[in-house]
């Protein structure tokens, strides 16, 4: 089999990156679908987090706003963090 030269794009393959998760991290405010209603999964998890944090649940949040709210409530409740 002959040696094949790779292009710079192939060299930056996220599947072989040393930090494969780095290409999946994106600010919710930059999401192209961020203005759409939150997903069912987001609503369910956000409802659970809201109850645990004893805070109001807002069912009208967008995908992006729900993601930001989930992060805030995870920080408050300790959910979603690796347990030592």
PDB file of N, CA and C in Angstrom:
ATOM      1  N   UNK A   1       0.847  -1.167   0.000  1.00  0.00           N
ATOM      2  CA  UNK A   1       0.000   0.000   0.000  1.00  0.00           C
ATOM      3  C   UNK A   1       0.896   1.234   0.000  1.00  0.00           C
ATOM      4  N   UNK A   2       0.659   2.144  -0.904  1.00  0.00           N
ATOM      5  CA  UNK A   2       1.483   3.340  -1.029  1.00  0.00           C
ATOM      6  C   UNK A   2       1.158   4.324   0.083  1.00  0.00           C
ATOM      7  N   UNK A   3       2.181   5.092   0.467  1.00  0.00           N
ATOM      8  CA  UNK A   3       1.959   6.144   1.456  1.00  0.00           C
ATOM      9  C   UNK A   3       1.043   7.201   0.866  1.00  0.00           C
ATOM     10  N   UNK A   4       0.096   7.612   1.626  1.00  0.00           N
ATOM     11  CA  UNK A   4      -0.850   8.609   1.162  1.00  0.00           C
ATOM     12  C   UNK A   4      -0.650   9.875   1.983  1.00  0.00           C
ATOM     13  N   UNK A   5      -0.542  10.997   1.302  1.00  0.00           N
ATOM     14  CA  UNK A   5      -0.386  12.262   2.003  1.00  0.00           C
ATOM     15  C   UNK A   5      -1.770  12.742   2.437  1.00  0.00           C
ATOM     16  N   UNK A   6      -1.821  13.342   3.613  1.00  0.00           N
ATOM     17  CA  UNK A   6      -3.089  13.857   4.110  1.00  0.00           C
ATOM     18  C   UNK A   6      -3.139  15.356   3.920  1.00  0.00           C
ATOM     19  N   UNK A   7      -4.323  15.836   3.767  1.00  0.00           N
ATOM     20  CA  UNK A   7      -4.515  17.280   3.654  1.00  0.00           C
ATOM     21  C   UNK A   7      -4.666  17.856   5.055  1.00  0.00           C
ATOM     22  N   UNK A   8      -4.499  19.172   5.213  1.00  0.00           N
ATOM     23  CA  UNK A   8      -4.673  19.777   6.539  1.00  0.00           C
ATOM     24  C   UNK A   8      -6.040  19.482   7.142  1.00  0.00           C
ATOM     25  N   UNK A   9      -7.087  19.414   6.334  1.00  0.00           N
ATOM     26  CA  UNK A   9      -8.425  19.120   6.849  1.00  0.00           C
ATOM     27  C   UNK A   9      -8.457  17.720   7.445  1.00  0.00           C
ATOM     28  N   UNK A  10      -7.833  16.757   6.764  1.00  0.00           N
ATOM     29  CA  UNK A  10      -7.802  15.397   7.287  1.00  0.00           C
ATOM     30  C   UNK A  10      -6.987  15.324   8.571  1.00  0.00           C
ATOM     31  N   UNK A  11      -5.949  16.136   8.678  1.00  0.00           N
ATOM     32  CA  UNK A  11      -5.124  16.146   9.875  1.00  0.00           C
ATOM     33  C   UNK A  11      -5.888  16.701  11.073  1.00  0.00           C
ATOM     34  N   UNK A  12      -6.955  17.451  10.835  1.00  0.00           N
ATOM     35  CA  UNK A  12      -7.732  18.059  11.909  1.00  0.00           C
ATOM     36  C   UNK A  12      -9.028  17.301  12.146  1.00  0.00           C
ATOM     37  N   UNK A  13      -9.037  16.027  11.888  1.00  0.00           N
ATOM     38  CA  UNK A  13     -10.223  15.203  12.050  1.00  0.00           C
ATOM     39  C   UNK A  13     -10.638  15.176  13.516  1.00  0.00           C
ATOM     40  N   UNK A  14     -11.859  15.627  13.851  1.00  0.00           N
ATOM     41  CA  UNK A  14     -12.280  15.639  15.246  1.00  0.00           C
ATOM     42  C   UNK A  14     -12.390  14.242  15.845  1.00  0.00           C
ATOM     43  N   UNK A  15     -12.530  13.221  15.013  1.00  0.00           N
ATOM     44  CA  UNK A  15     -12.607  11.861  15.522  1.00  0.00           C
ATOM     45  C   UNK A  15     -11.268  11.380  16.047  1.00  0.00           C
ATOM     46  N   UNK A  16     -10.175  11.972  15.559  1.00  0.00           N
ATOM     47  CA  UNK A  16      -8.855  11.550  15.997  1.00  0.00           C
ATOM     48  C   UNK A  16      -8.161  12.625  16.826  1.00  0.00           C
ATOM     49  N   UNK A  17      -8.865  13.686  17.146  1.00  0.00           N
ATOM     50  CA  UNK A  17      -8.309  14.781  17.923  1.00  0.00           C
ATOM     51  C   UNK A  17      -7.976  14.313  19.337  1.00  0.00           C
ATOM     52  N   UNK A  18      -6.947  14.901  19.910  1.00  0.00           N
ATOM     53  CA  UNK A  18      -6.587  14.586  21.285  1.00  0.00           C
ATOM     54  C   UNK A  18      -7.680  15.033  22.251  1.00  0.00           C
ATOM     55  N   UNK A  19      -8.468  16.036  21.871  1.00  0.00           N
ATOM     56  CA  UNK A  19      -9.570  16.543  22.680  1.00  0.00           C
ATOM     57  C   UNK A  19     -10.842  16.494  21.837  1.00  0.00           C
ATOM     58  N   UNK A  20     -11.429  15.295  21.659  1.00  0.00           N
ATOM     59  CA  UNK A  20     -12.553  15.154  20.740  1.00  0.00           C
ATOM     60  C   UNK A  20     -13.791  15.955  21.149  1.00  0.00           C
ATOM     61  N   UNK A  21     -13.945  16.270  22.401  1.00  0.00           N
ATOM     62  CA  UNK A  21     -15.106  17.034  22.838  1.00  0.00           C
ATOM     63  C   UNK A  21     -15.009  18.508  22.527  1.00  0.00           C
ATOM     64  N   UNK A  22     -13.844  18.979  22.154  1.00  0.00           N
ATOM     65  CA  UNK A  22     -13.661  20.408  21.933  1.00  0.00           C
ATOM     66  C   UNK A  22     -14.494  20.933  20.782  1.00  0.00           C
ATOM     67  N   UNK A  23     -14.834  20.089  19.827  1.00  0.00           N
ATOM     68  CA  UNK A  23     -15.628  20.556  18.699  1.00  0.00           C
ATOM     69  C   UNK A  23     -17.126  20.477  18.990  1.00  0.00           C
ATOM     70  N   UNK A  24     -17.498  19.978  20.155  1.00  0.00           N
ATOM     71  CA  UNK A  24     -18.913  19.875  20.508  1.00  0.00           C
ATOM     72  C   UNK A  24     -19.337  20.955  21.486  1.00  0.00           C
ATOM     73  N   UNK A  25     -18.399  21.734  21.951  1.00  0.00           N
ATOM     74  CA  UNK A  25     -18.703  22.784  22.914  1.00  0.00           C
ATOM     75  C   UNK A  25     -18.965  24.075  22.157  1.00  0.00           C
ATOM     76  N   UNK A  26     -20.184  24.576  22.287  1.00  0.00           N
ATOM     77  CA  UNK A  26     -20.565  25.790  21.594  1.00  0.00           C
ATOM     78  C   UNK A  26     -21.467  26.595  22.518  1.00  0.00           C
ATOM     79  N   UNK A  27     -21.247  27.886  22.575  1.00  0.00           N
ATOM     80  CA  UNK A  27     -22.058  28.770  23.387  1.00  0.00           C
ATOM     81  C   UNK A  27     -23.505  28.700  22.900  1.00  0.00           C
ATOM     82  N   UNK A  28     -24.456  28.435  23.800  1.00  0.00           N
ATOM     83  CA  UNK A  28     -25.854  28.341  23.370  1.00  0.00           C
ATOM     84  C   UNK A  28     -26.366  29.582  22.634  1.00  0.00           C
ATOM     85  N   UNK A  29     -25.810  30.722  22.923  1.00  0.00           N
ATOM     86  CA  UNK A  29     -26.258  31.931  22.229  1.00  0.00           C
ATOM     87  C   UNK A  29     -25.825  31.932  20.771  1.00  0.00           C
ATOM     88  N   UNK A  30     -24.894  31.045  20.403  1.00  0.00           N
ATOM     89  CA  UNK A  30     -24.438  30.927  19.017  1.00  0.00           C
ATOM     90  C   UNK A  30     -25.142  29.808  18.248  1.00  0.00           C
ATOM     91  N   UNK A  31     -26.046  29.075  18.905  1.00  0.00           N
ATOM     92  CA  UNK A  31     -26.735  27.968  18.252  1.00  0.00           C
ATOM     93  C   UNK A  31     -27.651  28.495  17.157  1.00  0.00           C
ATOM     94  N   UNK A  32     -27.653  27.847  16.010  1.00  0.00           N
ATOM     95  CA  UNK A  32     -28.548  28.280  14.929  1.00  0.00           C
ATOM     96  C   UNK A  32     -29.999  27.951  15.251  1.00  0.00           C
ATOM     97  N   UNK A  33     -30.238  26.961  16.100  1.00  0.00           N
ATOM     98  CA  UNK A  33     -31.604  26.597  16.486  1.00  0.00           C
ATOM     99  C   UNK A  33     -31.934  27.037  17.905  1.00  0.00           C
ATOM    100  N   UNK A  34     -31.122  27.913  18.454  1.00  0.00           N
ATOM    101  CA  UNK A  34     -31.285  28.334  19.846  1.00  0.00           C
ATOM    102  C   UNK A  34     -32.584  29.043  20.150  1.00  0.00           C
ATOM    103  N   UNK A  35     -33.204  29.655  19.149  1.00  0.00           N
ATOM    104  CA  UNK A  35     -34.466  30.366  19.369  1.00  0.00           C
ATOM    105  C   UNK A  35     -35.683  29.448  19.321  1.00  0.00           C
ATOM    106  N   UNK A  36     -35.493  28.203  18.931  1.00  0.00           N
ATOM    107  CA  UNK A  36     -36.603  27.258  18.892  1.00  0.00           C
ATOM    108  C   UNK A  36     -37.006  26.888  20.318  1.00  0.00           C
ATOM    109  N   UNK A  37     -38.232  26.399  20.504  1.00  0.00           N
ATOM    110  CA  UNK A  37     -38.646  25.969  21.849  1.00  0.00           C
ATOM    111  C   UNK A  37     -37.721  24.870  22.366  1.00  0.00           C
ATOM    112  N   UNK A  38     -37.576  24.822  23.696  1.00  0.00           N
ATOM    113  CA  UNK A  38     -36.721  23.782  24.276  1.00  0.00           C
ATOM    114  C   UNK A  38     -37.264  22.405  23.912  1.00  0.00           C
ATOM    115  N   UNK A  39     -36.369  21.438  23.906  1.00  0.00           N
ATOM    116  CA  UNK A  39     -36.745  20.071  23.578  1.00  0.00           C
ATOM    117  C   UNK A  39     -37.477  19.432  24.750  1.00  0.00           C
ATOM    118  N   UNK A  40     -38.128  18.322  24.487  1.00  0.00           N
ATOM    119  CA  UNK A  40     -38.797  17.588  25.558  1.00  0.00           C
ATOM    120  C   UNK A  40     -37.824  17.132  26.630  1.00  0.00           C
ATOM    121  N   UNK A  41     -36.656  16.695  26.205  1.00  0.00           N
ATOM    122  CA  UNK A  41     -35.641  16.250  27.170  1.00  0.00           C
ATOM    123  C   UNK A  41     -35.180  17.410  28.047  1.00  0.00           C
ATOM    124  N   UNK A  42     -34.970  18.573  27.429  1.00  0.00           N
ATOM    125  CA  UNK A  42     -34.578  19.747  28.209  1.00  0.00           C
ATOM    126  C   UNK A  42     -35.675  20.109  29.209  1.00  0.00           C
ATOM    127  N   UNK A  43     -36.931  20.105  28.757  1.00  0.00           N
ATOM    128  CA  UNK A  43     -38.049  20.468  29.628  1.00  0.00           C
ATOM    129  C   UNK A  43     -38.143  19.526  30.820  1.00  0.00           C
ATOM    130  N   UNK A  44     -38.015  18.237  30.563  1.00  0.00           N
ATOM    131  CA  UNK A  44     -38.102  17.252  31.631  1.00  0.00           C
ATOM    132  C   UNK A  44     -36.985  17.443  32.656  1.00  0.00           C
ATOM    133  N   UNK A  45     -35.761  17.583  32.171  1.00  0.00           N
ATOM    134  CA  UNK A  45     -34.618  17.751  33.075  1.00  0.00           C
ATOM    135  C   UNK A  45     -34.693  19.087  33.802  1.00  0.00           C
ATOM    136  N   UNK A  46     -35.084  20.120  33.096  1.00  0.00           N
ATOM    137  CA  UNK A  46     -35.200  21.439  33.709  1.00  0.00           C
ATOM    138  C   UNK A  46     -36.278  21.449  34.785  1.00  0.00           C
ATOM    139  N   UNK A  47     -37.373  20.752  34.560  1.00  0.00           N
ATOM    140  CA  UNK A  47     -38.439  20.635  35.564  1.00  0.00           C
ATOM    141  C   UNK A  47     -37.895  19.958  36.815  1.00  0.00           C
ATOM    142  N   UNK A  48     -37.161  18.877  36.643  1.00  0.00           N
ATOM    143  CA  UNK A  48     -36.563  18.165  37.774  1.00  0.00           C
ATOM    144  C   UNK A  48     -35.593  19.063  38.540  1.00  0.00           C
ATOM    145  N   UNK A  49     -34.705  19.732  37.806  1.00  0.00           N
ATOM    146  CA  UNK A  49     -33.740  20.619  38.452  1.00  0.00           C
ATOM    147  C   UNK A  49     -34.439  21.761  39.190  1.00  0.00           C
ATOM    148  N   UNK A  50     -35.462  22.326  38.573  1.00  0.00           N
ATOM    149  CA  UNK A  50     -36.202  23.433  39.188  1.00  0.00           C
ATOM    150  C   UNK A  50     -36.831  22.988  40.505  1.00  0.00           C
ATOM    151  N   UNK A  51     -37.417  21.803  40.504  1.00  0.00           N
ATOM    152  CA  UNK A  51     -38.021  21.276  41.731  1.00  0.00           C
ATOM    153  C   UNK A  51     -36.973  21.067  42.810  1.00  0.00           C
ATOM    154  N   UNK A  52     -35.825  20.491  42.432  1.00  0.00           N
ATOM    155  CA  UNK A  52     -34.760  20.252  43.413  1.00  0.00           C
ATOM    156  C   UNK A  52     -34.191  21.548  43.973  1.00  0.00           C
ATOM    157  N   UNK A  53     -34.111  22.574  43.115  1.00  0.00           N
ATOM    158  CA  UNK A  53     -33.566  23.868  43.545  1.00  0.00           C
ATOM    159  C   UNK A  53     -34.633  24.752  44.186  1.00  0.00           C
ATOM    160  N   UNK A  54     -35.891  24.257  44.190  1.00  0.00           N
ATOM    161  CA  UNK A  54     -37.014  25.030  44.719  1.00  0.00           C
ATOM    162  C   UNK A  54     -37.143  26.376  44.015  1.00  0.00           C
ATOM    163  N   UNK A  55     -37.060  26.301  42.674  1.00  0.00           N
ATOM    164  CA  UNK A  55     -37.196  27.487  41.831  1.00  0.00           C
ATOM    165  C   UNK A  55     -38.285  27.247  40.798  1.00  0.00           C
ATOM    166  N   UNK A  56     -38.806  28.327  40.266  1.00  0.00           N
ATOM    167  CA  UNK A  56     -39.871  28.225  39.275  1.00  0.00           C
ATOM    168  C   UNK A  56     -39.361  27.614  37.974  1.00  0.00           C
ATOM    169  N   UNK A  57     -40.241  26.857  37.340  1.00  0.00           N
ATOM    170  CA  UNK A  57     -39.974  26.264  36.030  1.00  0.00           C
ATOM    171  C   UNK A  57     -40.682  27.119  34.986  1.00  0.00           C
ATOM    172  N   UNK A  58     -39.950  27.536  33.964  1.00  0.00           N
ATOM    173  CA  UNK A  58     -40.525  28.344  32.892  1.00  0.00           C
ATOM    174  C   UNK A  58     -40.611  27.497  31.630  1.00  0.00           C
ATOM    175  N   UNK A  59     -41.811  27.024  31.271  1.00  0.00           N
ATOM    176  CA  UNK A  59     -41.948  26.158  30.100  1.00  0.00           C
ATOM    177  C   UNK A  59     -41.807  26.886  28.766  1.00  0.00           C
ATOM    178  N   UNK A  60     -41.683  28.196  28.783  1.00  0.00           N
ATOM    179  CA  UNK A  60     -41.606  28.956  27.530  1.00  0.00           C
ATOM    180  C   UNK A  60     -40.177  29.242  27.073  1.00  0.00           C
ATOM    181  N   UNK A  61     -39.183  28.700  27.759  1.00  0.00           N
ATOM    182  CA  UNK A  61     -37.795  28.983  27.396  1.00  0.00           C
ATOM    183  C   UNK A  61     -37.423  28.401  26.035  1.00  0.00           C
ATOM    184  N   UNK A  62     -36.516  29.075  25.349  1.00  0.00           N
ATOM    185  CA  UNK A  62     -35.965  28.565  24.090  1.00  0.00           C
ATOM    186  C   UNK A  62     -34.925  27.492  24.405  1.00  0.00           C
ATOM    187  N   UNK A  63     -34.466  26.805  23.372  1.00  0.00           N
ATOM    188  CA  UNK A  63     -33.411  25.800  23.546  1.00  0.00           C
ATOM    189  C   UNK A  63     -32.184  26.409  24.218  1.00  0.00           C
ATOM    190  N   UNK A  64     -31.751  27.562  23.717  1.00  0.00           N
ATOM    191  CA  UNK A  64     -30.543  28.195  24.253  1.00  0.00           C
ATOM    192  C   UNK A  64     -30.759  28.639  25.696  1.00  0.00           C
ATOM    193  N   UNK A  65     -31.895  29.284  25.969  1.00  0.00           N
ATOM    194  CA  UNK A  65     -32.173  29.758  27.327  1.00  0.00           C
ATOM    195  C   UNK A  65     -32.310  28.577  28.289  1.00  0.00           C
ATOM    196  N   UNK A  66     -32.920  27.491  27.844  1.00  0.00           N
ATOM    197  CA  UNK A  66     -33.051  26.305  28.684  1.00  0.00           C
ATOM    198  C   UNK A  66     -31.682  25.717  29.009  1.00  0.00           C
ATOM    199  N   UNK A  67     -30.796  25.681  28.038  1.00  0.00           N
ATOM    200  CA  UNK A  67     -29.451  25.156  28.263  1.00  0.00           C
ATOM    201  C   UNK A  67     -28.708  25.985  29.308  1.00  0.00           C
ATOM    202  N   UNK A  68     -28.818  27.292  29.189  1.00  0.00           N
ATOM    203  CA  UNK A  68     -28.159  28.185  30.146  1.00  0.00           C
ATOM    204  C   UNK A  68     -28.760  28.005  31.540  1.00  0.00           C
ATOM    205  N   UNK A  69     -30.081  27.875  31.609  1.00  0.00           N
ATOM    206  CA  UNK A  69     -30.778  27.675  32.890  1.00  0.00           C
ATOM    207  C   UNK A  69     -30.394  26.335  33.500  1.00  0.00           C
ATOM    208  N   UNK A  70     -30.296  25.302  32.677  1.00  0.00           N
ATOM    209  CA  UNK A  70     -29.874  23.991  33.174  1.00  0.00           C
ATOM    210  C   UNK A  70     -28.484  24.082  33.784  1.00  0.00           C
ATOM    211  N   UNK A  71     -27.558  24.753  33.106  1.00  0.00           N
ATOM    212  CA  UNK A  71     -26.198  24.912  33.653  1.00  0.00           C
ATOM    213  C   UNK A  71     -26.236  25.597  35.012  1.00  0.00           C
ATOM    214  N   UNK A  72     -27.045  26.653  35.124  1.00  0.00           N
ATOM    215  CA  UNK A  72     -27.132  27.399  36.386  1.00  0.00           C
ATOM    216  C   UNK A  72     -27.715  26.528  37.501  1.00  0.00           C
ATOM    217  N   UNK A  73     -28.772  25.780  37.186  1.00  0.00           N
ATOM    218  CA  UNK A  73     -29.383  24.939  38.206  1.00  0.00           C
ATOM    219  C   UNK A  73     -28.520  23.732  38.554  1.00  0.00           C
ATOM    220  N   UNK A  74     -27.760  23.235  37.602  1.00  0.00           N
ATOM    221  CA  UNK A  74     -26.810  22.156  37.917  1.00  0.00           C
ATOM    222  C   UNK A  74     -25.768  22.664  38.906  1.00  0.00           C
ATOM    223  N   UNK A  75     -25.297  23.876  38.699  1.00  0.00           N
ATOM    224  CA  UNK A  75     -24.311  24.452  39.617  1.00  0.00           C
ATOM    225  C   UNK A  75     -24.919  24.618  41.011  1.00  0.00           C
ATOM    226  N   UNK A  76     -26.171  25.019  41.061  1.00  0.00           N
ATOM    227  CA  UNK A  76     -26.839  25.242  42.352  1.00  0.00           C
ATOM    228  C   UNK A  76     -27.112  23.926  43.075  1.00  0.00           C
ATOM    229  N   UNK A  77     -27.544  22.909  42.349  1.00  0.00           N
ATOM    230  CA  UNK A  77     -27.935  21.646  42.976  1.00  0.00           C
ATOM    231  C   UNK A  77     -26.796  20.630  43.069  1.00  0.00           C
ATOM    232  N   UNK A  78     -25.741  20.835  42.280  1.00  0.00           N
ATOM    233  CA  UNK A  78     -24.645  19.867  42.266  1.00  0.00           C
ATOM    234  C   UNK A  78     -24.890  18.718  41.302  1.00  0.00           C
ATOM    235  N   UNK A  79     -26.021  18.739  40.608  1.00  0.00           N
ATOM    236  CA  UNK A  79     -26.319  17.698  39.615  1.00  0.00           C
ATOM    237  C   UNK A  79     -25.477  17.899  38.378  1.00  0.00           C
ATOM    238  N   UNK A  80     -25.205  16.820  37.663  1.00  0.00           N
ATOM    239  CA  UNK A  80     -24.475  16.916  36.412  1.00  0.00           C
ATOM    240  C   UNK A  80     -22.979  17.053  36.596  1.00  0.00           C
ATOM    241  N   UNK A  81     -22.536  17.029  37.806  1.00  0.00           N
ATOM    242  CA  UNK A  81     -21.099  17.129  38.097  1.00  0.00           C
ATOM    243  C   UNK A  81     -20.577  15.756  38.484  1.00  0.00           C
ATOM    244  N   UNK A  82     -19.349  15.457  38.106  1.00  0.00           N
ATOM    245  CA  UNK A  82     -18.746  14.170  38.443  1.00  0.00           C
ATOM    246  C   UNK A  82     -18.622  14.056  39.954  1.00  0.00           C
ATOM    247  N   UNK A  83     -19.013  12.935  40.455  1.00  0.00           N
ATOM    248  CA  UNK A  83     -18.921  12.674  41.896  1.00  0.00           C
ATOM    249  C   UNK A  83     -17.583  12.016  42.197  1.00  0.00           C
ATOM    250  N   UNK A  84     -16.920  12.485  43.230  1.00  0.00           N
ATOM    251  CA  UNK A  84     -15.610  11.935  43.609  1.00  0.00           C
ATOM    252  C   UNK A  84     -15.759  10.700  44.436  1.00  0.00           C
TER     253      UNK A  84
END
